[in-house]
Amino acid sequence: TQVPGWSIVAHKFSGAFGGCSAWTEQPGGFQLHLGNTGTEWRLATTFNPADRISGSIEVDGQRWTTSFLSNGEMLVSPLTGPLVDAAAAGHQMRLFLGGNVLTFSMAGSRGAINAVFDCLRQPW
């Protein structure tokens, strides 16, 4: 599935369905992934300087404190329901990762999140 500015993918791990995600690449080459395992939402970015970083996620000026953990390829953080709603309605997301800040346009994010829900309903 394609949503303008976003790619939607289904994930398999060891042959089993592992959820769906929407991702976008921003200037500078960093990717932002919004994924759902079927039970929980996660945010990931390809910025990966450490195993664990305390930081925050900000959408249109509203900020949530979180921890980002490395999965070996990306930094990953859980997303709460209010943060998923903010991401769907938001215009800009900023990730505060230690002393680094990554800024992402959220154009098309509502369609991307809806496409993840559609992906999760498929008979995988």
PDB file of N, CA and C in Angstrom:
ATOM      1  N   THR A   1       0.842  -1.187   0.000  1.00  0.00           N
ATOM      2  CA  THR A   1       0.000   0.000   0.000  1.00  0.00           C
ATOM      3  C   THR A   1       0.874   1.232   0.000  1.00  0.00           C
ATOM      4  N   GLN A   2       0.448   2.254  -0.710  1.00  0.00           N
ATOM      5  CA  GLN A   2       1.155   3.528  -0.721  1.00  0.00           C
ATOM      6  C   GLN A   2       0.228   4.623  -0.208  1.00  0.00           C
ATOM      7  N   VAL A   3       0.755   5.470   0.610  1.00  0.00           N
ATOM      8  CA  VAL A   3       0.126   6.701   1.052  1.00  0.00           C
ATOM      9  C   VAL A   3       1.128   7.780   0.664  1.00  0.00           C
ATOM     10  N   PRO A   4       0.701   8.879   0.035  1.00  0.00           N
ATOM     11  CA  PRO A   4       1.680   9.874  -0.391  1.00  0.00           C
ATOM     12  C   PRO A   4       2.670  10.235   0.724  1.00  0.00           C
ATOM     13  N   GLY A   5       3.955  10.034   0.424  1.00  0.00           N
ATOM     14  CA  GLY A   5       5.014  10.336   1.375  1.00  0.00           C
ATOM     15  C   GLY A   5       5.344   9.217   2.340  1.00  0.00           C
ATOM     16  N   TRP A   6       4.562   8.149   2.338  1.00  0.00           N
ATOM     17  CA  TRP A   6       4.736   7.036   3.283  1.00  0.00           C
ATOM     18  C   TRP A   6       4.683   5.706   2.542  1.00  0.00           C
ATOM     19  N   SER A   7       5.388   4.719   3.060  1.00  0.00           N
ATOM     20  CA  SER A   7       5.284   3.336   2.578  1.00  0.00           C
ATOM     21  C   SER A   7       4.698   2.504   3.703  1.00  0.00           C
ATOM     22  N   ILE A   8       3.812   1.587   3.352  1.00  0.00           N
ATOM     23  CA  ILE A   8       3.160   0.722   4.329  1.00  0.00           C
ATOM     24  C   ILE A   8       3.646  -0.691   4.075  1.00  0.00           C
ATOM     25  N   VAL A   9       4.117  -1.368   5.117  1.00  0.00           N
ATOM     26  CA  VAL A   9       4.637  -2.723   4.955  1.00  0.00           C
ATOM     27  C   VAL A   9       4.128  -3.631   6.065  1.00  0.00           C
ATOM     28  N   ALA A  10       3.987  -4.907   5.723  1.00  0.00           N
ATOM     29  CA  ALA A  10       3.693  -5.953   6.714  1.00  0.00           C
ATOM     30  C   ALA A  10       5.017  -6.621   7.060  1.00  0.00           C
ATOM     31  N   HIS A  11       5.162  -7.011   8.309  1.00  0.00           N
ATOM     32  CA  HIS A  11       6.405  -7.626   8.774  1.00  0.00           C
ATOM     33  C   HIS A  11       6.186  -9.083   9.145  1.00  0.00           C
ATOM     34  N   LYS A  12       7.166  -9.891   8.810  1.00  0.00           N
ATOM     35  CA  LYS A  12       7.181 -11.285   9.262  1.00  0.00           C
ATOM     36  C   LYS A  12       8.490 -11.522   9.982  1.00  0.00           C
ATOM     37  N   PHE A  13       8.407 -12.239  11.075  1.00  0.00           N
ATOM     38  CA  PHE A  13       9.581 -12.608  11.852  1.00  0.00           C
ATOM     39  C   PHE A  13       9.568 -14.109  12.025  1.00  0.00           C
ATOM     40  N   SER A  14      10.601 -14.777  11.540  1.00  0.00           N
ATOM     41  CA  SER A  14      10.684 -16.242  11.571  1.00  0.00           C
ATOM     42  C   SER A  14       9.451 -16.869  10.930  1.00  0.00           C
ATOM     43  N   GLY A  15       8.956 -16.236   9.857  1.00  0.00           N
ATOM     44  CA  GLY A  15       7.818 -16.773   9.120  1.00  0.00           C
ATOM     45  C   GLY A  15       6.460 -16.438   9.695  1.00  0.00           C
ATOM     46  N   ALA A  16       6.395 -15.810  10.854  1.00  0.00           N
ATOM     47  CA  ALA A  16       5.118 -15.473  11.485  1.00  0.00           C
ATOM     48  C   ALA A  16       4.837 -13.977  11.317  1.00  0.00           C
ATOM     49  N   PHE A  17       3.574 -13.630  11.219  1.00  0.00           N
ATOM     50  CA  PHE A  17       3.171 -12.233  11.092  1.00  0.00           C
ATOM     51  C   PHE A  17       3.653 -11.455  12.309  1.00  0.00           C
ATOM     52  N   GLY A  18       4.286 -10.299  12.063  1.00  0.00           N
ATOM     53  CA  GLY A  18       4.841  -9.502  13.161  1.00  0.00           C
ATOM     54  C   GLY A  18       4.291  -8.098  13.244  1.00  0.00           C
ATOM     55  N   GLY A  19       3.268  -7.781  12.442  1.00  0.00           N
ATOM     56  CA  GLY A  19       2.667  -6.463  12.507  1.00  0.00           C
ATOM     57  C   GLY A  19       2.864  -5.690  11.213  1.00  0.00           C
ATOM     58  N   CYS A  20       2.488  -4.418  11.251  1.00  0.00           N
ATOM     59  CA  CYS A  20       2.555  -3.557  10.085  1.00  0.00           C
ATOM     60  C   CYS A  20       3.138  -2.209  10.495  1.00  0.00           C
ATOM     61  N   SER A  21       3.730  -1.522   9.530  1.00  0.00           N
ATOM     62  CA  SER A  21       4.253  -0.198   9.833  1.00  0.00           C
ATOM     63  C   SER A  21       4.155   0.710   8.621  1.00  0.00           C
ATOM     64  N   ALA A  22       4.191   1.999   8.924  1.00  0.00           N
ATOM     65  CA  ALA A  22       4.276   3.041   7.914  1.00  0.00           C
ATOM     66  C   ALA A  22       5.607   3.736   8.137  1.00  0.00           C
ATOM     67  N   TRP A  23       6.306   4.030   7.059  1.00  0.00           N
ATOM     68  CA  TRP A  23       7.577   4.736   7.226  1.00  0.00           C
ATOM     69  C   TRP A  23       7.738   5.801   6.156  1.00  0.00           C
ATOM     70  N   THR A  24       8.500   6.812   6.525  1.00  0.00           N
ATOM     71  CA  THR A  24       8.804   7.911   5.632  1.00  0.00           C
ATOM     72  C   THR A  24      10.269   8.271   5.804  1.00  0.00           C
ATOM     73  N   GLU A  25      10.872   8.749   4.750  1.00  0.00           N
ATOM     74  CA  GLU A  25      12.264   9.200   4.819  1.00  0.00           C
ATOM     75  C   GLU A  25      12.278  10.712   4.670  1.00  0.00           C
ATOM     76  N   GLN A  26      13.025  11.356   5.528  1.00  0.00           N
ATOM     77  CA  GLN A  26      13.081  12.809   5.567  1.00  0.00           C
ATOM     78  C   GLN A  26      14.425  13.295   5.039  1.00  0.00           C
ATOM     79  N   PRO A  27      14.531  14.596   4.735  1.00  0.00           N
ATOM     80  CA  PRO A  27      15.832  15.134   4.333  1.00  0.00           C
ATOM     81  C   PRO A  27      16.904  14.775   5.364  1.00  0.00           C
ATOM     82  N   GLY A  28      18.061  14.424   4.896  1.00  0.00           N
ATOM     83  CA  GLY A  28      19.125  13.969   5.781  1.00  0.00           C
ATOM     84  C   GLY A  28      19.212  12.455   5.810  1.00  0.00           C
ATOM     85  N   GLY A  29      18.203  11.778   5.221  1.00  0.00           N
ATOM     86  CA  GLY A  29      18.241  10.330   5.103  1.00  0.00           C
ATOM     87  C   GLY A  29      17.700   9.539   6.273  1.00  0.00           C
ATOM     88  N   PHE A  30      17.250  10.212   7.340  1.00  0.00           N
ATOM     89  CA  PHE A  30      16.703   9.470   8.478  1.00  0.00           C
ATOM     90  C   PHE A  30      15.279   9.032   8.172  1.00  0.00           C
ATOM     91  N   GLN A  31      14.935   7.845   8.639  1.00  0.00           N
ATOM     92  CA  GLN A  31      13.584   7.327   8.465  1.00  0.00           C
ATOM     93  C   GLN A  31      12.832   7.403   9.784  1.00  0.00           C
ATOM     94  N   LEU A  32      11.515   7.593   9.677  1.00  0.00           N
ATOM     95  CA  LEU A  32      10.596   7.535  10.801  1.00  0.00           C
ATOM     96  C   LEU A  32       9.618   6.412  10.517  1.00  0.00           C
ATOM     97  N   HIS A  33       9.491   5.473  11.448  1.00  0.00           N
ATOM     98  CA  HIS A  33       8.577   4.349  11.312  1.00  0.00           C
ATOM     99  C   HIS A  33       7.527   4.426  12.409  1.00  0.00           C
ATOM    100  N   LEU A  34       6.264   4.267  12.044  1.00  0.00           N
ATOM    101  CA  LEU A  34       5.168   4.143  12.993  1.00  0.00           C
ATOM    102  C   LEU A  34       4.597   2.750  12.786  1.00  0.00           C
ATOM    103  N   GLY A  35       4.777   1.870  13.757  1.00  0.00           N
ATOM    104  CA  GLY A  35       4.399   0.477  13.575  1.00  0.00           C
ATOM    105  C   GLY A  35       3.498  -0.039  14.670  1.00  0.00           C
ATOM    106  N   ASN A  36       2.772  -1.093  14.334  1.00  0.00           N
ATOM    107  CA  ASN A  36       1.903  -1.756  15.294  1.00  0.00           C
ATOM    108  C   ASN A  36       2.136  -3.251  15.178  1.00  0.00           C
ATOM    109  N   THR A  37       2.400  -3.893  16.312  1.00  0.00           N
ATOM    110  CA  THR A  37       2.666  -5.331  16.350  1.00  0.00           C
ATOM    111  C   THR A  37       1.385  -6.157  16.342  1.00  0.00           C
ATOM    112  N   GLY A  38       0.243  -5.489  16.395  1.00  0.00           N
ATOM    113  CA  GLY A  38      -1.032  -6.171  16.566  1.00  0.00           C
ATOM    114  C   GLY A  38      -1.546  -5.960  17.981  1.00  0.00           C
ATOM    115  N   THR A  39      -0.643  -5.595  18.879  1.00  0.00           N
ATOM    116  CA  THR A  39      -1.036  -5.325  20.266  1.00  0.00           C
ATOM    117  C   THR A  39      -0.537  -3.982  20.775  1.00  0.00           C
ATOM    118  N   GLU A  40       0.523  -3.437  20.150  1.00  0.00           N
ATOM    119  CA  GLU A  40       1.043  -2.153  20.628  1.00  0.00           C
ATOM    120  C   GLU A  40       1.682  -1.367  19.491  1.00  0.00           C
ATOM    121  N   TRP A  41       1.683  -0.039  19.658  1.00  0.00           N
ATOM    122  CA  TRP A  41       2.319   0.864  18.711  1.00  0.00           C
ATOM    123  C   TRP A  41       3.750   1.121  19.123  1.00  0.00           C
ATOM    124  N   ARG A  42       4.605   1.313  18.117  1.00  0.00           N
ATOM    125  CA  ARG A  42       6.009   1.657  18.346  1.00  0.00           C
ATOM    126  C   ARG A  42       6.442   2.679  17.313  1.00  0.00           C
ATOM    127  N   LEU A  43       7.346   3.535  17.721  1.00  0.00           N
ATOM    128  CA  LEU A  43       7.991   4.478  16.830  1.00  0.00           C
ATOM    129  C   LEU A  43       9.437   4.042  16.695  1.00  0.00           C
ATOM    130  N   ALA A  44       9.996   4.156  15.508  1.00  0.00           N
ATOM    131  CA  ALA A  44      11.406   3.822  15.308  1.00  0.00           C
ATOM    132  C   ALA A  44      12.022   4.839  14.354  1.00  0.00           C
ATOM    133  N   THR A  45      13.321   5.047  14.508  1.00  0.00           N
ATOM    134  CA  THR A  45      14.065   5.896  13.598  1.00  0.00           C
ATOM    135  C   THR A  45      15.409   5.251  13.309  1.00  0.00           C
ATOM    136  N   THR A  46      15.932   5.514  12.128  1.00  0.00           N
ATOM    137  CA  THR A  46      17.205   4.927  11.728  1.00  0.00           C
ATOM    138  C   THR A  46      18.389   5.604  12.402  1.00  0.00           C
ATOM    139  N   PHE A  47      18.172   6.686  13.128  1.00  0.00           N
ATOM    140  CA  PHE A  47      19.233   7.306  13.918  1.00  0.00           C
ATOM    141  C   PHE A  47      19.571   6.343  15.042  1.00  0.00           C
ATOM    142  N   ASN A  48      20.824   5.893  15.130  1.00  0.00           N
ATOM    143  CA  ASN A  48      21.132   4.806  16.059  1.00  0.00           C
ATOM    144  C   ASN A  48      22.523   4.954  16.681  1.00  0.00           C
ATOM    145  N   PRO A  49      22.714   5.921  17.587  1.00  0.00           N
ATOM    146  CA  PRO A  49      24.044   6.110  18.147  1.00  0.00           C
ATOM    147  C   PRO A  49      24.346   5.292  19.394  1.00  0.00           C
ATOM    148  N   ALA A  50      23.344   4.694  20.022  1.00  0.00           N
ATOM    149  CA  ALA A  50      23.573   4.044  21.319  1.00  0.00           C
ATOM    150  C   ALA A  50      22.570   2.929  21.535  1.00  0.00           C
ATOM    151  N   ASP A  51      22.797   2.149  22.587  1.00  0.00           N
ATOM    152  CA  ASP A  51      21.875   1.070  22.932  1.00  0.00           C
ATOM    153  C   ASP A  51      20.593   1.585  23.574  1.00  0.00           C
ATOM    154  N   ARG A  52      20.704   2.670  24.346  1.00  0.00           N
ATOM    155  CA  ARG A  52      19.545   3.221  25.034  1.00  0.00           C
ATOM    156  C   ARG A  52      19.747   4.724  25.203  1.00  0.00           C
ATOM    157  N   ILE A  53      18.706   5.480  24.884  1.00  0.00           N
ATOM    158  CA  ILE A  53      18.760   6.929  25.022  1.00  0.00           C
ATOM    159  C   ILE A  53      17.479   7.404  25.692  1.00  0.00           C
ATOM    160  N   SER A  54      17.601   8.193  26.729  1.00  0.00           N
ATOM    161  CA  SER A  54      16.438   8.877  27.284  1.00  0.00           C
ATOM    162  C   SER A  54      16.165  10.068  26.392  1.00  0.00           C
ATOM    163  N   GLY A  55      14.920  10.310  26.112  1.00  0.00           N
ATOM    164  CA  GLY A  55      14.590  11.411  25.229  1.00  0.00           C
ATOM    165  C   GLY A  55      13.130  11.733  25.279  1.00  0.00           C
ATOM    166  N   SER A  56      12.654  12.352  24.224  1.00  0.00           N
ATOM    167  CA  SER A  56      11.238  12.695  24.156  1.00  0.00           C
ATOM    168  C   SER A  56      10.793  12.779  22.704  1.00  0.00           C
ATOM    169  N   ILE A  57       9.483  12.725  22.554  1.00  0.00           N
ATOM    170  CA  ILE A  57       8.824  12.850  21.259  1.00  0.00           C
ATOM    171  C   ILE A  57       7.908  14.051  21.370  1.00  0.00           C
ATOM    172  N   GLU A  58       8.021  14.957  20.411  1.00  0.00           N
ATOM    173  CA  GLU A  58       7.186  16.158  20.428  1.00  0.00           C
ATOM    174  C   GLU A  58       6.394  16.223  19.133  1.00  0.00           C
ATOM    175  N   VAL A  59       5.091  16.437  19.254  1.00  0.00           N
ATOM    176  CA  VAL A  59       4.232  16.617  18.087  1.00  0.00           C
ATOM    177  C   VAL A  59       3.547  17.969  18.234  1.00  0.00           C
ATOM    178  N   ASP A  60       3.835  18.865  17.303  1.00  0.00           N
ATOM    179  CA  ASP A  60       3.240  20.207  17.293  1.00  0.00           C
ATOM    180  C   ASP A  60       3.322  20.886  18.658  1.00  0.00           C
ATOM    181  N   GLY A  61       4.465  20.760  19.325  1.00  0.00           N
ATOM    182  CA  GLY A  61       4.703  21.441  20.587  1.00  0.00           C
ATOM    183  C   GLY A  61       4.302  20.670  21.832  1.00  0.00           C
ATOM    184  N   GLN A  62       3.576  19.558  21.700  1.00  0.00           N
ATOM    185  CA  GLN A  62       3.202  18.726  22.851  1.00  0.00           C
ATOM    186  C   GLN A  62       4.249  17.621  22.980  1.00  0.00           C
ATOM    187  N   ARG A  63       4.818  17.475  24.177  1.00  0.00           N
ATOM    188  CA  ARG A  63       5.965  16.581  24.353  1.00  0.00           C
ATOM    189  C   ARG A  63       5.664  15.445  25.330  1.00  0.00           C
ATOM    190  N   TRP A  64       6.213  14.248  24.965  1.00  0.00           N
ATOM    191  CA  TRP A  64       6.135  13.057  25.804  1.00  0.00           C
ATOM    192  C   TRP A  64       7.552  12.568  26.072  1.00  0.00           C
ATOM    193  N   THR A  65       7.866  12.282  27.327  1.00  0.00           N
ATOM    194  CA  THR A  65       9.164  11.734  27.696  1.00  0.00           C
ATOM    195  C   THR A  65       9.142  10.230  27.465  1.00  0.00           C
ATOM    196  N   THR A  66      10.246   9.694  26.952  1.00  0.00           N
ATOM    197  CA  THR A  66      10.306   8.267  26.656  1.00  0.00           C
ATOM    198  C   THR A  66      11.759   7.801  26.680  1.00  0.00           C
ATOM    199  N   SER A  67      11.947   6.514  26.516  1.00  0.00           N
ATOM    200  CA  SER A  67      13.269   5.924  26.301  1.00  0.00           C
ATOM    201  C   SER A  67      13.276   5.262  24.943  1.00  0.00           C
ATOM    202  N   PHE A  68      14.384   5.402  24.254  1.00  0.00           N
ATOM    203  CA  PHE A  68      14.582   4.761  22.966  1.00  0.00           C
ATOM    204  C   PHE A  68      15.587   3.639  23.162  1.00  0.00           C
ATOM    205  N   LEU A  69      15.253   2.439  22.692  1.00  0.00           N
ATOM    206  CA  LEU A  69      16.144   1.296  22.780  1.00  0.00           C
ATOM    207  C   LEU A  69      16.572   0.881  21.380  1.00  0.00           C
ATOM    208  N   SER A  70      17.808   0.455  21.237  1.00  0.00           N
ATOM    209  CA  SER A  70      18.298   0.003  19.948  1.00  0.00           C
ATOM    210  C   SER A  70      17.891  -1.448  19.711  1.00  0.00           C
ATOM    211  N   ASN A  71      17.421  -1.736  18.485  1.00  0.00           N
ATOM    212  CA  ASN A  71      17.167  -3.122  18.096  1.00  0.00           C
ATOM    213  C   ASN A  71      18.277  -3.621  17.175  1.00  0.00           C
ATOM    214  N   GLY A  72      19.387  -2.877  17.127  1.00  0.00           N
ATOM    215  CA  GLY A  72      20.505  -3.222  16.265  1.00  0.00           C
ATOM    216  C   GLY A  72      20.495  -2.478  14.948  1.00  0.00           C
ATOM    217  N   GLU A  73      19.339  -2.001  14.527  1.00  0.00           N
ATOM    218  CA  GLU A  73      19.217  -1.241  13.285  1.00  0.00           C
ATOM    219  C   GLU A  73      18.634   0.144  13.504  1.00  0.00           C
ATOM    220  N   MET A  74      17.723   0.246  14.479  1.00  0.00           N
ATOM    221  CA  MET A  74      17.019   1.495  14.720  1.00  0.00           C
ATOM    222  C   MET A  74      16.849   1.714  16.217  1.00  0.00           C
ATOM    223  N   LEU A  75      16.513   2.958  16.568  1.00  0.00           N
ATOM    224  CA  LEU A  75      16.077   3.263  17.916  1.00  0.00           C
ATOM    225  C   LEU A  75      14.562   3.148  17.951  1.00  0.00           C
ATOM    226  N   VAL A  76      14.034   2.474  18.979  1.00  0.00           N
ATOM    227  CA  VAL A  76      12.613   2.166  19.058  1.00  0.00           C
ATOM    228  C   VAL A  76      12.055   2.667  20.382  1.00  0.00           C
ATOM    229  N   SER A  77      10.842   3.219  20.337  1.00  0.00           N
ATOM    230  CA  SER A  77      10.145   3.680  21.530  1.00  0.00           C
ATOM    231  C   SER A  77       8.693   3.240  21.455  1.00  0.00           C
ATOM    232  N   PRO A  78       8.100   2.845  22.595  1.00  0.00           N
ATOM    233  CA  PRO A  78       6.665   2.551  22.583  1.00  0.00           C
ATOM    234  C   PRO A  78       5.872   3.838  22.381  1.00  0.00           C
ATOM    235  N   LEU A  79       4.680   3.726  21.790  1.00  0.00           N
ATOM    236  CA  LEU A  79       3.788   4.867  21.609  1.00  0.00           C
ATOM    237  C   LEU A  79       2.490   4.617  22.365  1.00  0.00           C
ATOM    238  N   THR A  80       2.057   5.595  23.134  1.00  0.00           N
ATOM    239  CA  THR A  80       0.769   5.519  23.816  1.00  0.00           C
ATOM    240  C   THR A  80      -0.336   5.948  22.862  1.00  0.00           C
ATOM    241  N   GLY A  81      -1.570   5.623  23.206  1.00  0.00           N
ATOM    242  CA  GLY A  81      -2.714   6.026  22.390  1.00  0.00           C
ATOM    243  C   GLY A  81      -2.768   7.518  22.112  1.00  0.00           C
ATOM    244  N   PRO A  82      -2.605   8.381  23.152  1.00  0.00           N
ATOM    245  CA  PRO A  82      -2.643   9.824  22.886  1.00  0.00           C
ATOM    246  C   PRO A  82      -1.548  10.288  21.929  1.00  0.00           C
ATOM    247  N   LEU A  83      -0.404   9.660  21.977  1.00  0.00           N
ATOM    248  CA  LEU A  83       0.687  10.037  21.079  1.00  0.00           C
ATOM    249  C   LEU A  83       0.396   9.579  19.651  1.00  0.00           C
ATOM    250  N   VAL A  84      -0.229   8.416  19.498  1.00  0.00           N
ATOM    251  CA  VAL A  84      -0.624   7.952  18.159  1.00  0.00           C
ATOM    252  C   VAL A  84      -1.650   8.919  17.574  1.00  0.00           C
ATOM    253  N   ASP A  85      -2.621   9.338  18.400  1.00  0.00           N
ATOM    254  CA  ASP A  85      -3.629  10.302  17.941  1.00  0.00           C
ATOM    255  C   ASP A  85      -2.976  11.619  17.542  1.00  0.00           C
ATOM    256  N   ALA A  86      -2.021  12.095  18.346  1.00  0.00           N
ATOM    257  CA  ALA A  86      -1.320  13.341  18.036  1.00  0.00           C
ATOM    258  C   ALA A  86      -0.523  13.199  16.736  1.00  0.00           C
ATOM    259  N   ALA A  87       0.130  12.051  16.539  1.00  0.00           N
ATOM    260  CA  ALA A  87       0.898  11.822  15.317  1.00  0.00           C
ATOM    261  C   ALA A  87      -0.022  11.830  14.094  1.00  0.00           C
ATOM    262  N   ALA A  88      -1.212  11.253  14.231  1.00  0.00           N
ATOM    263  CA  ALA A  88      -2.154  11.212  13.110  1.00  0.00           C
ATOM    264  C   ALA A  88      -2.636  12.613  12.736  1.00  0.00           C
ATOM    265  N   ALA A  89      -2.818  13.475  13.726  1.00  0.00           N
ATOM    266  CA  ALA A  89      -3.337  14.819  13.488  1.00  0.00           C
ATOM    267  C   ALA A  89      -2.233  15.856  13.309  1.00  0.00           C
ATOM    268  N   GLY A  90      -0.986  15.471  13.596  1.00  0.00           N
ATOM    269  CA  GLY A  90       0.103  16.439  13.669  1.00  0.00           C
ATOM    270  C   GLY A  90       0.650  16.895  12.329  1.00  0.00           C
ATOM    271  N   HIS A  91       1.378  18.005  12.419  1.00  0.00           N
ATOM    272  CA  HIS A  91       2.050  18.573  11.258  1.00  0.00           C
ATOM    273  C   HIS A  91       3.554  18.326  11.301  1.00  0.00           C
ATOM    274  N   GLN A  92       4.111  18.282  12.534  1.00  0.00           N
ATOM    275  CA  GLN A  92       5.552  18.108  12.680  1.00  0.00           C
ATOM    276  C   GLN A  92       5.842  17.293  13.938  1.00  0.00           C
ATOM    277  N   MET A  93       6.789  16.357  13.808  1.00  0.00           N
ATOM    278  CA  MET A  93       7.255  15.567  14.949  1.00  0.00           C
ATOM    279  C   MET A  93       8.739  15.823  15.113  1.00  0.00           C
ATOM    280  N   ARG A  94       9.131  16.043  16.355  1.00  0.00           N
ATOM    281  CA  ARG A  94      10.553  16.176  16.662  1.00  0.00           C
ATOM    282  C   ARG A  94      10.919  15.113  17.680  1.00  0.00           C
ATOM    283  N   LEU A  95      12.021  14.424  17.403  1.00  0.00           N
ATOM    284  CA  LEU A  95      12.557  13.420  18.314  1.00  0.00           C
ATOM    285  C   LEU A  95      13.784  14.008  18.981  1.00  0.00           C
ATOM    286  N   PHE A  96      13.767  14.029  20.308  1.00  0.00           N
ATOM    287  CA  PHE A  96      14.894  14.514  21.091  1.00  0.00           C
ATOM    288  C   PHE A  96      15.642  13.291  21.588  1.00  0.00           C
ATOM    289  N   LEU A  97      16.829  13.072  21.050  1.00  0.00           N
ATOM    290  CA  LEU A  97      17.620  11.873  21.320  1.00  0.00           C
ATOM    291  C   LEU A  97      18.944  12.306  21.929  1.00  0.00           C
ATOM    292  N   GLY A  98      19.000  12.336  23.258  1.00  0.00           N
ATOM    293  CA  GLY A  98      20.195  12.871  23.895  1.00  0.00           C
ATOM    294  C   GLY A  98      20.332  14.326  23.500  1.00  0.00           C
ATOM    295  N   GLY A  99      21.456  14.711  22.924  1.00  0.00           N
ATOM    296  CA  GLY A  99      21.667  16.080  22.474  1.00  0.00           C
ATOM    297  C   GLY A  99      21.286  16.305  21.026  1.00  0.00           C
ATOM    298  N   ASN A 100      20.662  15.334  20.386  1.00  0.00           N
ATOM    299  CA  ASN A 100      20.297  15.434  18.972  1.00  0.00           C
ATOM    300  C   ASN A 100      18.796  15.636  18.820  1.00  0.00           C
ATOM    301  N   VAL A 101      18.410  16.358  17.784  1.00  0.00           N
ATOM    302  CA  VAL A 101      16.996  16.575  17.476  1.00  0.00           C
ATOM    303  C   VAL A 101      16.774  16.223  16.007  1.00  0.00           C
ATOM    304  N   LEU A 102      15.825  15.333  15.756  1.00  0.00           N
ATOM    305  CA  LEU A 102      15.420  14.996  14.391  1.00  0.00           C
ATOM    306  C   LEU A 102      14.019  15.544  14.176  1.00  0.00           C
ATOM    307  N   THR A 103      13.797  16.222  13.066  1.00  0.00           N
ATOM    308  CA  THR A 103      12.502  16.817  12.761  1.00  0.00           C
ATOM    309  C   THR A 103      11.910  16.131  11.541  1.00  0.00           C
ATOM    310  N   PHE A 104      10.642  15.725  11.655  1.00  0.00           N
ATOM    311  CA  PHE A 104       9.951  15.021  10.578  1.00  0.00           C
ATOM    312  C   PHE A 104       8.638  15.717  10.263  1.00  0.00           C
ATOM    313  N   SER A 105       8.337  15.853   8.982  1.00  0.00           N
ATOM    314  CA  SER A 105       7.018  16.299   8.557  1.00  0.00           C
ATOM    315  C   SER A 105       6.036  15.153   8.791  1.00  0.00           C
ATOM    316  N   MET A 106       4.861  15.484   9.271  1.00  0.00           N
ATOM    317  CA  MET A 106       3.841  14.462   9.481  1.00  0.00           C
ATOM    318  C   MET A 106       2.763  14.541   8.399  1.00  0.00           C
ATOM    319  N   ALA A 107       3.068  15.182   7.289  1.00  0.00           N
ATOM    320  CA  ALA A 107       2.124  15.244   6.169  1.00  0.00           C
ATOM    321  C   ALA A 107       1.733  13.831   5.766  1.00  0.00           C
ATOM    322  N   GLY A 108       0.447  13.564   5.706  1.00  0.00           N
ATOM    323  CA  GLY A 108      -0.049  12.246   5.323  1.00  0.00           C
ATOM    324  C   GLY A 108      -0.071  11.227   6.436  1.00  0.00           C
ATOM    325  N   SER A 109       0.274  11.631   7.664  1.00  0.00           N
ATOM    326  CA  SER A 109       0.382  10.656   8.761  1.00  0.00           C
ATOM    327  C   SER A 109      -0.957  10.010   9.123  1.00  0.00           C
ATOM    328  N   ARG A 110      -2.076  10.751   9.036  1.00  0.00           N
ATOM    329  CA  ARG A 110      -3.371  10.137   9.345  1.00  0.00           C
ATOM    330  C   ARG A 110      -3.660   9.006   8.366  1.00  0.00           C
ATOM    331  N   GLY A 111      -3.438   9.238   7.078  1.00  0.00           N
ATOM    332  CA  GLY A 111      -3.634   8.185   6.088  1.00  0.00           C
ATOM    333  C   GLY A 111      -2.693   7.023   6.306  1.00  0.00           C
ATOM    334  N   ALA A 112      -1.453   7.307   6.712  1.00  0.00           N
ATOM    335  CA  ALA A 112      -0.473   6.251   6.965  1.00  0.00           C
ATOM    336  C   ALA A 112      -0.900   5.385   8.156  1.00  0.00           C
ATOM    337  N   ILE A 113      -1.345   6.008   9.226  1.00  0.00           N
ATOM    338  CA  ILE A 113      -1.789   5.253  10.408  1.00  0.00           C
ATOM    339  C   ILE A 113      -3.041   4.450  10.082  1.00  0.00           C
ATOM    340  N   ASN A 114      -3.973   5.029   9.321  1.00  0.00           N
ATOM    341  CA  ASN A 114      -5.155   4.268   8.896  1.00  0.00           C
ATOM    342  C   ASN A 114      -4.765   3.084   8.027  1.00  0.00           C
ATOM    343  N   ALA A 115      -3.759   3.247   7.187  1.00  0.00           N
ATOM    344  CA  ALA A 115      -3.291   2.142   6.339  1.00  0.00           C
ATOM    345  C   ALA A 115      -2.662   1.041   7.188  1.00  0.00           C
ATOM    346  N   VAL A 116      -1.985   1.402   8.286  1.00  0.00           N
ATOM    347  CA  VAL A 116      -1.449   0.381   9.194  1.00  0.00           C
ATOM    348  C   VAL A 116      -2.607  -0.418   9.798  1.00  0.00           C
ATOM    349  N   PHE A 117      -3.680   0.259  10.223  1.00  0.00           N
ATOM    350  CA  PHE A 117      -4.854  -0.455  10.748  1.00  0.00           C
ATOM    351  C   PHE A 117      -5.433  -1.389   9.689  1.00  0.00           C
ATOM    352  N   ASP A 118      -5.532  -0.931   8.434  1.00  0.00           N
ATOM    353  CA  ASP A 118      -6.024  -1.785   7.353  1.00  0.00           C
ATOM    354  C   ASP A 118      -5.130  -2.987   7.149  1.00  0.00           C
ATOM    355  N   CYS A 119      -3.823  -2.783   7.215  1.00  0.00           N
ATOM    356  CA  CYS A 119      -2.857  -3.869   7.071  1.00  0.00           C
ATOM    357  C   CYS A 119      -3.036  -4.911   8.178  1.00  0.00           C
ATOM    358  N   LEU A 120      -3.265  -4.440   9.395  1.00  0.00           N
ATOM    359  CA  LEU A 120      -3.432  -5.368  10.529  1.00  0.00           C
ATOM    360  C   LEU A 120      -4.675  -6.243  10.374  1.00  0.00           C
ATOM    361  N   ARG A 121      -5.688  -5.766   9.646  1.00  0.00           N
ATOM    362  CA  ARG A 121      -6.928  -6.528   9.466  1.00  0.00           C
ATOM    363  C   ARG A 121      -6.828  -7.578   8.346  1.00  0.00           C
ATOM    364  N   GLN A 122      -5.713  -7.597   7.627  1.00  0.00           N
ATOM    365  CA  GLN A 122      -5.557  -8.571   6.536  1.00  0.00           C
ATOM    366  C   GLN A 122      -5.338  -9.977   7.113  1.00  0.00           C
ATOM    367  N   PRO A 123      -5.748 -10.991   6.365  1.00  0.00           N
ATOM    368  CA  PRO A 123      -5.571 -12.385   6.855  1.00  0.00           C
ATOM    369  C   PRO A 123      -4.151 -12.903   6.605  1.00  0.00           C
ATOM    370  N   TRP A 124      -3.210 -12.479   7.388  1.00  0.00           N
ATOM    371  CA  TRP A 124      -1.827 -12.890   7.215  1.00  0.00           C
ATOM    372  C   TRP A 124      -1.662 -14.302   7.687  1.00  0.00           C
TER     373      TRP A 124
END
